[in-house]
Amino acid sequence: MKEDEITSKIIGAAIEVHKQLGPGLLESAYEICLAHELKTQGLNVESQIVLPVVFMGVKLEAGYRLDLLVEKTVIVEIKAVEELANIHLAQTLTYLRLGGLRLGLLINFSVPKLVDGLKRVVNG
């Protein structure tokens, strides 16, 4: 499955989760529901993937975790904040670099219309 197909399915699933739950919940609730919805569509979804930092050639556990990794290709970083800030984009891009991945979606569920809370993040 191509990246565009995967991201399209992720966005559709996120819209469905947002329709059902609305804004105002914790990130963890959206993460669990989105992972469930994606799995029901037959996608491979991993949650809370440990992401080590390589520092001076040494792999160190630094406590970083990806919210979701879909089809081992697309990172999904979930937020439930008043508005996305530059630091959220920087965090997603850093996760892409650390994971050696190209594409991520930053999704903020605390908006009236989910399309206003979606950002596509590309590494490279």
PDB file of N, CA and C in Angstrom:
ATOM      1  N   MET A   1       0.848  -1.182   0.000  1.00  0.00           N
ATOM      2  CA  MET A   1       0.000   0.000   0.000  1.00  0.00           C
ATOM      3  C   MET A   1       0.892   1.244   0.000  1.00  0.00           C
ATOM      4  N   LYS A   2       0.558   2.215  -0.816  1.00  0.00           N
ATOM      5  CA  LYS A   2       1.344   3.434  -0.938  1.00  0.00           C
ATOM      6  C   LYS A   2       1.053   4.402   0.206  1.00  0.00           C
ATOM      7  N   GLU A   3       2.018   5.309   0.453  1.00  0.00           N
ATOM      8  CA  GLU A   3       1.877   6.290   1.531  1.00  0.00           C
ATOM      9  C   GLU A   3       0.586   7.096   1.423  1.00  0.00           C
ATOM     10  N   ASP A   4       0.254   7.544   0.210  1.00  0.00           N
ATOM     11  CA  ASP A   4      -0.954   8.353   0.037  1.00  0.00           C
ATOM     12  C   ASP A   4      -2.212   7.577   0.398  1.00  0.00           C
ATOM     13  N   GLU A   5      -2.251   6.293   0.062  1.00  0.00           N
ATOM     14  CA  GLU A   5      -3.394   5.457   0.424  1.00  0.00           C
ATOM     15  C   GLU A   5      -3.494   5.301   1.940  1.00  0.00           C
ATOM     16  N   ILE A   6      -2.340   5.100   2.572  1.00  0.00           N
ATOM     17  CA  ILE A   6      -2.311   4.936   4.024  1.00  0.00           C
ATOM     18  C   ILE A   6      -2.776   6.212   4.707  1.00  0.00           C
ATOM     19  N   THR A   7      -2.218   7.367   4.285  1.00  0.00           N
ATOM     20  CA  THR A   7      -2.612   8.628   4.929  1.00  0.00           C
ATOM     21  C   THR A   7      -4.082   8.934   4.690  1.00  0.00           C
ATOM     22  N   SER A   8      -4.590   8.600   3.531  1.00  0.00           N
ATOM     23  CA  SER A   8      -6.010   8.811   3.244  1.00  0.00           C
ATOM     24  C   SER A   8      -6.878   8.001   4.209  1.00  0.00           C
ATOM     25  N   LYS A   9      -6.494   6.753   4.449  1.00  0.00           N
ATOM     26  CA  LYS A   9      -7.252   5.906   5.378  1.00  0.00           C
ATOM     27  C   LYS A   9      -7.141   6.430   6.808  1.00  0.00           C
ATOM     28  N   ILE A  10      -5.960   6.897   7.183  1.00  0.00           N
ATOM     29  CA  ILE A  10      -5.769   7.447   8.524  1.00  0.00           C
ATOM     30  C   ILE A  10      -6.646   8.675   8.718  1.00  0.00           C
ATOM     31  N   ILE A  11      -6.641   9.572   7.736  1.00  0.00           N
ATOM     32  CA  ILE A  11      -7.447  10.799   7.845  1.00  0.00           C
ATOM     33  C   ILE A  11      -8.933  10.458   7.917  1.00  0.00           C
ATOM     34  N   GLY A  12      -9.381   9.538   7.078  1.00  0.00           N
ATOM     35  CA  GLY A  12     -10.786   9.123   7.121  1.00  0.00           C
ATOM     36  C   GLY A  12     -11.164   8.534   8.465  1.00  0.00           C
ATOM     37  N   ALA A  13     -10.287   7.702   9.020  1.00  0.00           N
ATOM     38  CA  ALA A  13     -10.549   7.104  10.329  1.00  0.00           C
ATOM     39  C   ALA A  13     -10.556   8.166  11.427  1.00  0.00           C
ATOM     40  N   ALA A  14      -9.630   9.126  11.339  1.00  0.00           N
ATOM     41  CA  ALA A  14      -9.567  10.201  12.334  1.00  0.00           C
ATOM     42  C   ALA A  14     -10.827  11.062  12.281  1.00  0.00           C
ATOM     43  N   ILE A  15     -11.326  11.328  11.085  1.00  0.00           N
ATOM     44  CA  ILE A  15     -12.566  12.096  10.946  1.00  0.00           C
ATOM     45  C   ILE A  15     -13.723  11.341  11.590  1.00  0.00           C
ATOM     46  N   GLU A  16     -13.769  10.031  11.389  1.00  0.00           N
ATOM     47  CA  GLU A  16     -14.830   9.216  11.995  1.00  0.00           C
ATOM     48  C   GLU A  16     -14.732   9.233  13.519  1.00  0.00           C
ATOM     49  N   VAL A  17     -13.530   9.103  14.054  1.00  0.00           N
ATOM     50  CA  VAL A  17     -13.343   9.165  15.508  1.00  0.00           C
ATOM     51  C   VAL A  17     -13.788  10.519  16.032  1.00  0.00           C
ATOM     52  N   HIS A  18     -13.401  11.582  15.335  1.00  0.00           N
ATOM     53  CA  HIS A  18     -13.773  12.934  15.765  1.00  0.00           C
ATOM     54  C   HIS A  18     -15.286  13.137  15.696  1.00  0.00           C
ATOM     55  N   LYS A  19     -15.914  12.596  14.664  1.00  0.00           N
ATOM     56  CA  LYS A  19     -17.386  12.690  14.544  1.00  0.00           C
ATOM     57  C   LYS A  19     -18.070  12.014  15.726  1.00  0.00           C
ATOM     58  N   GLN A  20     -17.558  10.850  16.100  1.00  0.00           N
ATOM     59  CA  GLN A  20     -18.175  10.075  17.177  1.00  0.00           C
ATOM     60  C   GLN A  20     -17.906  10.668  18.557  1.00  0.00           C
ATOM     61  N   LEU A  21     -16.689  11.164  18.787  1.00  0.00           N
ATOM     62  CA  LEU A  21     -16.295  11.613  20.124  1.00  0.00           C
ATOM     63  C   LEU A  21     -16.337  13.125  20.314  1.00  0.00           C
ATOM     64  N   GLY A  22     -16.069  13.872  19.254  1.00  0.00           N
ATOM     65  CA  GLY A  22     -15.982  15.323  19.368  1.00  0.00           C
ATOM     66  C   GLY A  22     -14.719  15.750  20.090  1.00  0.00           C
ATOM     67  N   PRO A  23     -14.504  17.065  20.213  1.00  0.00           N
ATOM     68  CA  PRO A  23     -13.327  17.569  20.911  1.00  0.00           C
ATOM     69  C   PRO A  23     -13.520  17.507  22.429  1.00  0.00           C
ATOM     70  N   GLY A  24     -12.411  17.655  23.159  1.00  0.00           N
ATOM     71  CA  GLY A  24     -12.506  17.789  24.613  1.00  0.00           C
ATOM     72  C   GLY A  24     -12.026  16.609  25.432  1.00  0.00           C
ATOM     73  N   LEU A  25     -11.599  15.518  24.791  1.00  0.00           N
ATOM     74  CA  LEU A  25     -11.118  14.357  25.535  1.00  0.00           C
ATOM     75  C   LEU A  25      -9.592  14.377  25.612  1.00  0.00           C
ATOM     76  N   LEU A  26      -9.042  13.435  26.361  1.00  0.00           N
ATOM     77  CA  LEU A  26      -7.595  13.302  26.461  1.00  0.00           C
ATOM     78  C   LEU A  26      -7.030  12.660  25.188  1.00  0.00           C
ATOM     79  N   GLU A  27      -5.767  12.952  24.911  1.00  0.00           N
ATOM     80  CA  GLU A  27      -5.092  12.363  23.749  1.00  0.00           C
ATOM     81  C   GLU A  27      -5.180  10.847  23.762  1.00  0.00           C
ATOM     82  N   SER A  28      -5.047  10.262  24.939  1.00  0.00           N
ATOM     83  CA  SER A  28      -5.045   8.795  25.046  1.00  0.00           C
ATOM     84  C   SER A  28      -6.352   8.186  24.547  1.00  0.00           C
ATOM     85  N   ALA A  29      -7.476   8.842  24.773  1.00  0.00           N
ATOM     86  CA  ALA A  29      -8.769   8.333  24.293  1.00  0.00           C
ATOM     87  C   ALA A  29      -8.812   8.341  22.769  1.00  0.00           C
ATOM     88  N   TYR A  30      -8.351   9.424  22.170  1.00  0.00           N
ATOM     89  CA  TYR A  30      -8.336   9.499  20.704  1.00  0.00           C
ATOM     90  C   TYR A  30      -7.378   8.462  20.121  1.00  0.00           C
ATOM     91  N   GLU A  31      -6.233   8.283  20.776  1.00  0.00           N
ATOM     92  CA  GLU A  31      -5.242   7.319  20.297  1.00  0.00           C
ATOM     93  C   GLU A  31      -5.817   5.902  20.278  1.00  0.00           C
ATOM     94  N   ILE A  32      -6.448   5.498  21.359  1.00  0.00           N
ATOM     95  CA  ILE A  32      -7.018   4.148  21.449  1.00  0.00           C
ATOM     96  C   ILE A  32      -8.117   3.957  20.404  1.00  0.00           C
ATOM     97  N   CYS A  33      -8.980   4.946  20.266  1.00  0.00           N
ATOM     98  CA  CYS A  33     -10.092   4.841  19.311  1.00  0.00           C
ATOM     99  C   CYS A  33      -9.599   4.852  17.868  1.00  0.00           C
ATOM    100  N   LEU A  34      -8.620   5.701  17.567  1.00  0.00           N
ATOM    101  CA  LEU A  34      -8.084   5.757  16.210  1.00  0.00           C
ATOM    102  C   LEU A  34      -7.376   4.444  15.869  1.00  0.00           C
ATOM    103  N   ALA A  35      -6.600   3.911  16.792  1.00  0.00           N
ATOM    104  CA  ALA A  35      -5.925   2.630  16.554  1.00  0.00           C
ATOM    105  C   ALA A  35      -6.954   1.535  16.294  1.00  0.00           C
ATOM    106  N   HIS A  36      -8.022   1.520  17.073  1.00  0.00           N
ATOM    107  CA  HIS A  36      -9.085   0.515  16.890  1.00  0.00           C
ATOM    108  C   HIS A  36      -9.730   0.655  15.508  1.00  0.00           C
ATOM    109  N   GLU A  37     -10.053   1.871  15.121  1.00  0.00           N
ATOM    110  CA  GLU A  37     -10.703   2.114  13.829  1.00  0.00           C
ATOM    111  C   GLU A  37      -9.790   1.690  12.677  1.00  0.00           C
ATOM    112  N   LEU A  38      -8.509   1.989  12.781  1.00  0.00           N
ATOM    113  CA  LEU A  38      -7.570   1.612  11.723  1.00  0.00           C
ATOM    114  C   LEU A  38      -7.411   0.093  11.643  1.00  0.00           C
ATOM    115  N   LYS A  39      -7.385  -0.563  12.791  1.00  0.00           N
ATOM    116  CA  LYS A  39      -7.272  -2.023  12.807  1.00  0.00           C
ATOM    117  C   LYS A  39      -8.504  -2.679  12.199  1.00  0.00           C
ATOM    118  N   THR A  40      -9.685  -2.093  12.438  1.00  0.00           N
ATOM    119  CA  THR A  40     -10.901  -2.667  11.851  1.00  0.00           C
ATOM    120  C   THR A  40     -10.885  -2.533  10.325  1.00  0.00           C
ATOM    121  N   GLN A  41     -10.088  -1.596   9.813  1.00  0.00           N
ATOM    122  CA  GLN A  41      -9.944  -1.436   8.366  1.00  0.00           C
ATOM    123  C   GLN A  41      -8.834  -2.325   7.805  1.00  0.00           C
ATOM    124  N   GLY A  42      -8.253  -3.146   8.667  1.00  0.00           N
ATOM    125  CA  GLY A  42      -7.243  -4.089   8.218  1.00  0.00           C
ATOM    126  C   GLY A  42      -5.826  -3.551   8.152  1.00  0.00           C
ATOM    127  N   LEU A  43      -5.593  -2.382   8.740  1.00  0.00           N
ATOM    128  CA  LEU A  43      -4.247  -1.811   8.718  1.00  0.00           C
ATOM    129  C   LEU A  43      -3.430  -2.314   9.907  1.00  0.00           C
ATOM    130  N   ASN A  44      -2.133  -2.436   9.694  1.00  0.00           N
ATOM    131  CA  ASN A  44      -1.213  -2.793  10.765  1.00  0.00           C
ATOM    132  C   ASN A  44      -0.937  -1.535  11.571  1.00  0.00           C
ATOM    133  N   VAL A  45      -1.281  -1.560  12.867  1.00  0.00           N
ATOM    134  CA  VAL A  45      -1.123  -0.388  13.731  1.00  0.00           C
ATOM    135  C   VAL A  45      -0.377  -0.792  14.994  1.00  0.00           C
ATOM    136  N   GLU A  46       0.673  -0.042  15.292  1.00  0.00           N
ATOM    137  CA  GLU A  46       1.409  -0.242  16.537  1.00  0.00           C
ATOM    138  C   GLU A  46       1.267   1.029  17.367  1.00  0.00           C
ATOM    139  N   SER A  47       1.093   0.857  18.679  1.00  0.00           N
ATOM    140  CA  SER A  47       0.896   1.997  19.585  1.00  0.00           C
ATOM    141  C   SER A  47       2.075   2.132  20.544  1.00  0.00           C
ATOM    142  N   GLN A  48       2.373   3.368  20.882  1.00  0.00           N
ATOM    143  CA  GLN A  48       3.383   3.698  21.882  1.00  0.00           C
ATOM    144  C   GLN A  48       4.712   2.973  21.623  1.00  0.00           C
ATOM    145  N   ILE A  49       5.217   3.157  20.418  1.00  0.00           N
ATOM    146  CA  ILE A  49       6.481   2.550  20.006  1.00  0.00           C
ATOM    147  C   ILE A  49       7.652   3.308  20.635  1.00  0.00           C
ATOM    148  N   VAL A  50       8.510   2.581  21.354  1.00  0.00           N
ATOM    149  CA  VAL A  50       9.688   3.191  21.967  1.00  0.00           C
ATOM    150  C   VAL A  50      10.637   3.643  20.868  1.00  0.00           C
ATOM    151  N   LEU A  51      11.103   4.863  20.997  1.00  0.00           N
ATOM    152  CA  LEU A  51      11.979   5.456  19.991  1.00  0.00           C
ATOM    153  C   LEU A  51      13.279   5.896  20.668  1.00  0.00           C
ATOM    154  N   PRO A  52      14.359   5.115  20.519  1.00  0.00           N
ATOM    155  CA  PRO A  52      15.620   5.482  21.164  1.00  0.00           C
ATOM    156  C   PRO A  52      16.300   6.643  20.449  1.00  0.00           C
ATOM    157  N   VAL A  53      17.184   7.284  21.161  1.00  0.00           N
ATOM    158  CA  VAL A  53      18.008   8.346  20.608  1.00  0.00           C
ATOM    159  C   VAL A  53      19.409   7.781  20.439  1.00  0.00           C
ATOM    160  N   VAL A  54      20.007   7.994  19.273  1.00  0.00           N
ATOM    161  CA  VAL A  54      21.382   7.585  19.054  1.00  0.00           C
ATOM    162  C   VAL A  54      22.257   8.816  19.279  1.00  0.00           C
ATOM    163  N   PHE A  55      23.102   8.719  20.303  1.00  0.00           N
ATOM    164  CA  PHE A  55      23.964   9.832  20.683  1.00  0.00           C
ATOM    165  C   PHE A  55      25.409   9.345  20.670  1.00  0.00           C
ATOM    166  N   MET A  56      26.211   9.936  19.810  1.00  0.00           N
ATOM    167  CA  MET A  56      27.626   9.590  19.681  1.00  0.00           C
ATOM    168  C   MET A  56      27.803   8.084  19.462  1.00  0.00           C
ATOM    169  N   GLY A  57      26.911   7.536  18.605  1.00  0.00           N
ATOM    170  CA  GLY A  57      27.015   6.131  18.246  1.00  0.00           C
ATOM    171  C   GLY A  57      26.408   5.163  19.236  1.00  0.00           C
ATOM    172  N   VAL A  58      25.832   5.673  20.319  1.00  0.00           N
ATOM    173  CA  VAL A  58      25.242   4.817  21.350  1.00  0.00           C
ATOM    174  C   VAL A  58      23.732   5.003  21.348  1.00  0.00           C
ATOM    175  N   LYS A  59      23.006   3.887  21.291  1.00  0.00           N
ATOM    176  CA  LYS A  59      21.542   3.925  21.317  1.00  0.00           C
ATOM    177  C   LYS A  59      21.084   4.043  22.771  1.00  0.00           C
ATOM    178  N   LEU A  60      20.372   5.133  23.080  1.00  0.00           N
ATOM    179  CA  LEU A  60      19.945   5.414  24.451  1.00  0.00           C
ATOM    180  C   LEU A  60      18.422   5.483  24.538  1.00  0.00           C
ATOM    181  N   GLU A  61      17.880   4.860  25.563  1.00  0.00           N
ATOM    182  CA  GLU A  61      16.446   4.946  25.833  1.00  0.00           C
ATOM    183  C   GLU A  61      16.205   6.302  26.488  1.00  0.00           C
ATOM    184  N   ALA A  62      15.484   7.176  25.785  1.00  0.00           N
ATOM    185  CA  ALA A  62      15.277   8.532  26.284  1.00  0.00           C
ATOM    186  C   ALA A  62      13.814   8.811  26.633  1.00  0.00           C
ATOM    187  N   GLY A  63      12.979   7.798  26.575  1.00  0.00           N
ATOM    188  CA  GLY A  63      11.589   7.978  26.959  1.00  0.00           C
ATOM    189  C   GLY A  63      10.674   8.477  25.860  1.00  0.00           C
ATOM    190  N   TYR A  64      11.172   8.553  24.627  1.00  0.00           N
ATOM    191  CA  TYR A  64      10.325   8.999  23.522  1.00  0.00           C
ATOM    192  C   TYR A  64       9.480   7.839  23.018  1.00  0.00           C
ATOM    193  N   ARG A  65       8.234   8.143  22.687  1.00  0.00           N
ATOM    194  CA  ARG A  65       7.314   7.129  22.174  1.00  0.00           C
ATOM    195  C   ARG A  65       6.468   7.721  21.058  1.00  0.00           C
ATOM    196  N   LEU A  66       6.391   6.968  19.972  1.00  0.00           N
ATOM    197  CA  LEU A  66       5.480   7.351  18.890  1.00  0.00           C
ATOM    198  C   LEU A  66       4.072   6.994  19.325  1.00  0.00           C
ATOM    199  N   ASP A  67       3.111   7.863  19.067  1.00  0.00           N
ATOM    200  CA  ASP A  67       1.724   7.533  19.400  1.00  0.00           C
ATOM    201  C   ASP A  67       1.278   6.324  18.587  1.00  0.00           C
ATOM    202  N   LEU A  68       1.335   6.435  17.262  1.00  0.00           N
ATOM    203  CA  LEU A  68       0.940   5.335  16.386  1.00  0.00           C
ATOM    204  C   LEU A  68       1.919   5.233  15.227  1.00  0.00           C
ATOM    205  N   LEU A  69       2.157   4.002  14.809  1.00  0.00           N
ATOM    206  CA  LEU A  69       2.909   3.733  13.594  1.00  0.00           C
ATOM    207  C   LEU A  69       2.021   2.831  12.741  1.00  0.00           C
ATOM    208  N   VAL A  70       1.646   3.319  11.563  1.00  0.00           N
ATOM    209  CA  VAL A  70       0.694   2.616  10.696  1.00  0.00           C
ATOM    210  C   VAL A  70       1.436   2.014   9.507  1.00  0.00           C
ATOM    211  N   GLU A  71       1.235   0.724   9.319  1.00  0.00           N
ATOM    212  CA  GLU A  71       1.851  -0.017   8.211  1.00  0.00           C
ATOM    213  C   GLU A  71       3.368   0.152   8.185  1.00  0.00           C
ATOM    214  N   LYS A  72       3.959   0.359   9.370  1.00  0.00           N
ATOM    215  CA  LYS A  72       5.411   0.543   9.504  1.00  0.00           C
ATOM    216  C   LYS A  72       5.941   1.650   8.592  1.00  0.00           C
ATOM    217  N   THR A  73       5.057   2.565   8.223  1.00  0.00           N
ATOM    218  CA  THR A  73       5.402   3.590   7.235  1.00  0.00           C
ATOM    219  C   THR A  73       5.079   5.011   7.697  1.00  0.00           C
ATOM    220  N   VAL A  74       3.912   5.219   8.321  1.00  0.00           N
ATOM    221  CA  VAL A  74       3.429   6.559   8.654  1.00  0.00           C
ATOM    222  C   VAL A  74       3.308   6.712  10.168  1.00  0.00           C
ATOM    223  N   ILE A  75       3.964   7.737  10.696  1.00  0.00           N
ATOM    224  CA  ILE A  75       3.827   8.087  12.106  1.00  0.00           C
ATOM    225  C   ILE A  75       2.584   8.951  12.269  1.00  0.00           C
ATOM    226  N   VAL A  76       1.803   8.679  13.314  1.00  0.00           N
ATOM    227  CA  VAL A  76       0.662   9.527  13.650  1.00  0.00           C
ATOM    228  C   VAL A  76       0.909  10.076  15.053  1.00  0.00           C
ATOM    229  N   GLU A  77       1.058  11.382  15.142  1.00  0.00           N
ATOM    230  CA  GLU A  77       1.241  12.055  16.423  1.00  0.00           C
ATOM    231  C   GLU A  77      -0.080  12.730  16.771  1.00  0.00           C
ATOM    232  N   ILE A  78      -0.643  12.372  17.904  1.00  0.00           N
ATOM    233  CA  ILE A  78      -1.973  12.837  18.301  1.00  0.00           C
ATOM    234  C   ILE A  78      -1.854  13.906  19.374  1.00  0.00           C
ATOM    235  N   LYS A  79      -2.625  14.962  19.203  1.00  0.00           N
ATOM    236  CA  LYS A  79      -2.677  16.047  20.176  1.00  0.00           C
ATOM    237  C   LYS A  79      -4.132  16.359  20.506  1.00  0.00           C
ATOM    238  N   ALA A  80      -4.315  16.927  21.681  1.00  0.00           N
ATOM    239  CA  ALA A  80      -5.615  17.444  22.103  1.00  0.00           C
ATOM    240  C   ALA A  80      -5.328  18.778  22.793  1.00  0.00           C
ATOM    241  N   VAL A  81      -4.994  19.758  21.966  1.00  0.00           N
ATOM    242  CA  VAL A  81      -4.576  21.074  22.456  1.00  0.00           C
ATOM    243  C   VAL A  81      -5.419  22.158  21.798  1.00  0.00           C
ATOM    244  N   GLU A  82      -5.398  23.350  22.400  1.00  0.00           N
ATOM    245  CA  GLU A  82      -6.192  24.452  21.860  1.00  0.00           C
ATOM    246  C   GLU A  82      -5.804  24.759  20.416  1.00  0.00           C
ATOM    247  N   GLU A  83      -4.502  24.781  20.147  1.00  0.00           N
ATOM    248  CA  GLU A  83      -4.035  24.934  18.762  1.00  0.00           C
ATOM    249  C   GLU A  83      -2.640  24.355  18.637  1.00  0.00           C
ATOM    250  N   LEU A  84      -2.337  23.856  17.441  1.00  0.00           N
ATOM    251  CA  LEU A  84      -1.014  23.297  17.193  1.00  0.00           C
ATOM    252  C   LEU A  84       0.019  24.421  17.188  1.00  0.00           C
ATOM    253  N   ALA A  85       1.174  24.117  17.762  1.00  0.00           N
ATOM    254  CA  ALA A  85       2.268  25.081  17.808  1.00  0.00           C
ATOM    255  C   ALA A  85       3.447  24.535  16.994  1.00  0.00           C
ATOM    256  N   ASN A  86       4.394  25.397  16.711  1.00  0.00           N
ATOM    257  CA  ASN A  86       5.579  24.982  15.955  1.00  0.00           C
ATOM    258  C   ASN A  86       6.317  23.837  16.638  1.00  0.00           C
ATOM    259  N   ILE A  87       6.291  23.790  17.962  1.00  0.00           N
ATOM    260  CA  ILE A  87       6.975  22.722  18.689  1.00  0.00           C
ATOM    261  C   ILE A  87       6.357  21.354  18.387  1.00  0.00           C
ATOM    262  N   HIS A  88       5.054  21.306  18.121  1.00  0.00           N
ATOM    263  CA  HIS A  88       4.400  20.042  17.771  1.00  0.00           C
ATOM    264  C   HIS A  88       4.884  19.545  16.410  1.00  0.00           C
ATOM    265  N   LEU A  89       5.043  20.464  15.478  1.00  0.00           N
ATOM    266  CA  LEU A  89       5.591  20.104  14.157  1.00  0.00           C
ATOM    267  C   LEU A  89       7.037  19.641  14.289  1.00  0.00           C
ATOM    268  N   ALA A  90       7.822  20.370  15.103  1.00  0.00           N
ATOM    269  CA  ALA A  90       9.222  20.007  15.311  1.00  0.00           C
ATOM    270  C   ALA A  90       9.331  18.625  15.960  1.00  0.00           C
ATOM    271  N   GLN A  91       8.457  18.346  16.921  1.00  0.00           N
ATOM    272  CA  GLN A  91       8.457  17.041  17.586  1.00  0.00           C
ATOM    273  C   GLN A  91       8.178  15.924  16.584  1.00  0.00           C
ATOM    274  N   THR A  92       7.181  16.105  15.743  1.00  0.00           N
ATOM    275  CA  THR A  92       6.827  15.090  14.752  1.00  0.00           C
ATOM    276  C   THR A  92       7.964  14.879  13.766  1.00  0.00           C
ATOM    277  N   LEU A  93       8.574  15.952  13.318  1.00  0.00           N
ATOM    278  CA  LEU A  93       9.707  15.840  12.397  1.00  0.00           C
ATOM    279  C   LEU A  93      10.887  15.135  13.064  1.00  0.00           C
ATOM    280  N   THR A  94      11.149  15.434  14.315  1.00  0.00           N
ATOM    281  CA  THR A  94      12.223  14.762  15.048  1.00  0.00           C
ATOM    282  C   THR A  94      11.943  13.270  15.162  1.00  0.00           C
ATOM    283  N   TYR A  95      10.697  12.899  15.437  1.00  0.00           N
ATOM    284  CA  TYR A  95      10.333  11.480  15.518  1.00  0.00           C
ATOM    285  C   TYR A  95      10.549  10.795  14.173  1.00  0.00           C
ATOM    286  N   LEU A  96      10.218  11.477  13.100  1.00  0.00           N
ATOM    287  CA  LEU A  96      10.455  10.908  11.772  1.00  0.00           C
ATOM    288  C   LEU A  96      11.949  10.662  11.549  1.00  0.00           C
ATOM    289  N   ARG A  97      12.763  11.642  11.906  1.00  0.00           N
ATOM    290  CA  ARG A  97      14.211  11.495  11.726  1.00  0.00           C
ATOM    291  C   ARG A  97      14.760  10.363  12.589  1.00  0.00           C
ATOM    292  N   LEU A  98      14.363  10.335  13.866  1.00  0.00           N
ATOM    293  CA  LEU A  98      14.856   9.297  14.776  1.00  0.00           C
ATOM    294  C   LEU A  98      14.419   7.906  14.329  1.00  0.00           C
ATOM    295  N   GLY A  99      13.220   7.822  13.759  1.00  0.00           N
ATOM    296  CA  GLY A  99      12.701   6.537  13.309  1.00  0.00           C
ATOM    297  C   GLY A  99      13.114   6.158  11.898  1.00  0.00           C
ATOM    298  N   GLY A 100      13.801   7.079  11.215  1.00  0.00           N
ATOM    299  CA  GLY A 100      14.223   6.812   9.847  1.00  0.00           C
ATOM    300  C   GLY A 100      13.046   6.701   8.894  1.00  0.00           C
ATOM    301  N   LEU A 101      11.985   7.450   9.177  1.00  0.00           N
ATOM    302  CA  LEU A 101      10.778   7.417   8.351  1.00  0.00           C
ATOM    303  C   LEU A 101      10.598   8.734   7.616  1.00  0.00           C
ATOM    304  N   ARG A 102       9.770   8.712   6.576  1.00  0.00           N
ATOM    305  CA  ARG A 102       9.586   9.881   5.712  1.00  0.00           C
ATOM    306  C   ARG A 102       8.333  10.679   6.010  1.00  0.00           C
ATOM    307  N   LEU A 103       7.246  10.018   6.430  1.00  0.00           N
ATOM    308  CA  LEU A 103       5.949  10.699   6.471  1.00  0.00           C
ATOM    309  C   LEU A 103       5.250  10.556   7.811  1.00  0.00           C
ATOM    310  N   GLY A 104       4.679  11.662   8.256  1.00  0.00           N
ATOM    311  CA  GLY A 104       3.906  11.654   9.495  1.00  0.00           C
ATOM    312  C   GLY A 104       2.669  12.521   9.369  1.00  0.00           C
ATOM    313  N   LEU A 105       1.693  12.229  10.214  1.00  0.00           N
ATOM    314  CA  LEU A 105       0.500  13.064  10.332  1.00  0.00           C
ATOM    315  C   LEU A 105       0.419  13.563  11.762  1.00  0.00           C
ATOM    316  N   LEU A 106       0.244  14.849  11.905  1.00  0.00           N
ATOM    317  CA  LEU A 106       0.030  15.476  13.201  1.00  0.00           C
ATOM    318  C   LEU A 106      -1.453  15.813  13.256  1.00  0.00           C
ATOM    319  N   ILE A 107      -2.158  15.230  14.228  1.00  0.00           N
ATOM    320  CA  ILE A 107      -3.606  15.388  14.285  1.00  0.00           C
ATOM    321  C   ILE A 107      -4.007  15.960  15.637  1.00  0.00           C
ATOM    322  N   ASN A 108      -4.645  17.132  15.610  1.00  0.00           N
ATOM    323  CA  ASN A 108      -5.177  17.762  16.816  1.00  0.00           C
ATOM    324  C   ASN A 108      -6.691  17.550  16.851  1.00  0.00           C
ATOM    325  N   PHE A 109      -7.156  16.802  17.847  1.00  0.00           N
ATOM    326  CA  PHE A 109      -8.578  16.489  17.948  1.00  0.00           C
ATOM    327  C   PHE A 109      -9.383  17.580  18.670  1.00  0.00           C
ATOM    328  N   SER A 110      -8.729  18.593  19.236  1.00  0.00           N
ATOM    329  CA  SER A 110      -9.446  19.635  19.977  1.00  0.00           C
ATOM    330  C   SER A 110      -9.818  20.816  19.097  1.00  0.00           C
ATOM    331  N   VAL A 111     -10.449  20.507  17.981  1.00  0.00           N
ATOM    332  CA  VAL A 111     -10.919  21.530  17.051  1.00  0.00           C
ATOM    333  C   VAL A 111     -12.349  21.189  16.647  1.00  0.00           C
ATOM    334  N   PRO A 112     -13.156  22.205  16.291  1.00  0.00           N
ATOM    335  CA  PRO A 112     -14.530  21.907  15.864  1.00  0.00           C
ATOM    336  C   PRO A 112     -14.599  21.054  14.599  1.00  0.00           C
ATOM    337  N   LYS A 113     -13.707  21.339  13.624  1.00  0.00           N
ATOM    338  CA  LYS A 113     -13.635  20.554  12.379  1.00  0.00           C
ATOM    339  C   LYS A 113     -12.243  19.949  12.286  1.00  0.00           C
ATOM    340  N   LEU A 114     -12.189  18.628  12.190  1.00  0.00           N
ATOM    341  CA  LEU A 114     -10.890  17.956  12.250  1.00  0.00           C
ATOM    342  C   LEU A 114      -9.943  18.394  11.142  1.00  0.00           C
ATOM    343  N   VAL A 115     -10.456  18.734   9.972  1.00  0.00           N
ATOM    344  CA  VAL A 115      -9.564  19.156   8.881  1.00  0.00           C
ATOM    345  C   VAL A 115      -8.712  20.360   9.290  1.00  0.00           C
ATOM    346  N   ASP A 116      -9.202  21.151  10.254  1.00  0.00           N
ATOM    347  CA  ASP A 116      -8.434  22.298  10.741  1.00  0.00           C
ATOM    348  C   ASP A 116      -7.310  21.883  11.684  1.00  0.00           C
ATOM    349  N   GLY A 117      -7.303  20.622  12.121  1.00  0.00           N
ATOM    350  CA  GLY A 117      -6.292  20.141  13.038  1.00  0.00           C
ATOM    351  C   GLY A 117      -5.345  19.125  12.427  1.00  0.00           C
ATOM    352  N   LEU A 118      -5.325  19.029  11.102  1.00  0.00           N
ATOM    353  CA  LEU A 118      -4.480  18.049  10.407  1.00  0.00           C
ATOM    354  C   LEU A 118      -3.263  18.719   9.775  1.00  0.00           C
ATOM    355  N   LYS A 119      -2.094  18.110   9.989  1.00  0.00           N
ATOM    356  CA  LYS A 119      -0.879  18.577   9.330  1.00  0.00           C
ATOM    357  C   LYS A 119      -0.113  17.361   8.823  1.00  0.00           C
ATOM    358  N   ARG A 120       0.298  17.419   7.585  1.00  0.00           N
ATOM    359  CA  ARG A 120       1.145  16.380   6.985  1.00  0.00           C
ATOM    360  C   ARG A 120       2.578  16.839   7.172  1.00  0.00           C
ATOM    361  N   VAL A 121       3.435  15.963   7.706  1.00  0.00           N
ATOM    362  CA  VAL A 121       4.823  16.314   8.001  1.00  0.00           C
ATOM    363  C   VAL A 121       5.719  15.367   7.212  1.00  0.00           C
ATOM    364  N   VAL A 122       6.652  15.935   6.455  1.00  0.00           N
ATOM    365  CA  VAL A 122       7.542  15.141   5.607  1.00  0.00           C
ATOM    366  C   VAL A 122       8.983  15.354   6.044  1.00  0.00           C
ATOM    367  N   ASN A 123       9.697  14.258   6.190  1.00  0.00           N
ATOM    368  CA  ASN A 123      11.116  14.272   6.546  1.00  0.00           C
ATOM    369  C   ASN A 123      11.920  14.230   5.255  1.00  0.00           C
ATOM    370  N   GLY A 124      12.580  15.336   4.941  1.00  0.00           N
ATOM    371  CA  GLY A 124      13.439  15.347   3.755  1.00  0.00           C
ATOM    372  C   GLY A 124      12.840  15.902   2.549  1.00  0.00           C
TER     373      GLY A 124
END
